[in-house]
């Protein structure tokens, strides 16, 4: 979602929204809640902490109205947890003045390691002092973040919760599409994005490669969330007889020297990330067939590479297109390894970058499908569905609210329902 304006986010989310600088719409919205329900209003809080933008949401649950009619979001810029705490204090004062009751439960998500008790996180997207990166539940305003009913999630955990939330709302089909269905499925009975009796991989490519699992519990359509760090596993090479073997050997040697002084091989995240795409383009631009093909930029950022590949006629378009193919080839490789190892029946490619890059990725679909099936156990992954996000719905914010509902249930029942647990 980074890079989208408040107006764009509101348009695709179909929810009421404003900025911290102009809270009048927020005040008017929750005043309507108070008018309708007085001190009996029940609401949840969700917060999605991004690299530059933080999004705060309140969702009331007094009656079965449209989800989007009962949701309001506030966006503000922040590159420090200190800024976030200050902003939440401002919002808490507004909520206290108008509603006068505390939230049922709250959930925040951020990129970075979360403590085992879910009460503090070190935000890796922030690059100042330790205090700027550390966020603790105990320093947040208690009326929005009740201590026993507030949890922190890693960003990919929140993405998984978001997918579960859309599934429960029967809106996955509105926000994801099928890139390839099982081999025996006809066009008229094509697989639809919905969680079934399977395990799923969830992957998000951005500044890094986030990966997590939705694991079917007891063979039911109830899924526990299992965070992973598979993006940091070492890349494997293709077979020596493969026509791409020489190219891959040269590329990984380049990456190893560039990143690790040739002391280690590359991780999947070193290729499948924004910086990985940039490194792939840098390597491609050095290859003889490109280096001698005329004047074009040898260094581009990830957005410029994707744009050049999609545009197709720029001097750098051919090199950009090849870099994109390398980038996604390694994504398919790590995905098939996880699908084989965890017996997964589906994959969700999530995130704003995926939405933006779908058109470029789809030009390489035959090559990517071939890579995915290049495995001694190809029959194990032949029927895996691949789903890709198609709208800029904020999965993490939906996920944070889903996590808040789980936190409330955990206190009510003394243990969270298994479908709301993160393993």
Foldseek 3Di string as FASTA:
>chain_A
DPPDDQVQQCVQQVAAEEELVDCPVVLVLVLVVCVVQNQNWAWEWEWEDDLFKIKIKIFTDPDPDPRRSRMYIYMDTAQFVVVVQVSQVVVVVSCCVRRVAAYLAFEYEAAADADPVQFKGFHPSHDDDSRRRIDGLVSHDCRRHPPLQYGYYYLVLLLVLLLVLCQVVVCQQVWKDFLDFFPPADPVRGDGDHQFQWKEWEWEAEQFIWIWIFHRDPSGSFTAIEGDVQQFDAFDADDPVDPCRVVVVVLQCQLCCVPPVVPDTGGLRCQQYFVNLQSQLLVLCPDPVNVPQDDDDSGDTSVVLLVLCVVPPDSSNVSSLVSVLRNLLSVLVSRLVCCVVVLGQEYEYDDPVQQVNVVSVSVCSVVSVVSNQPDPVSVSHSRHIYMYTNTHNDSSRSSRSSLSVQSSCCVVVVHGDNSNHHD
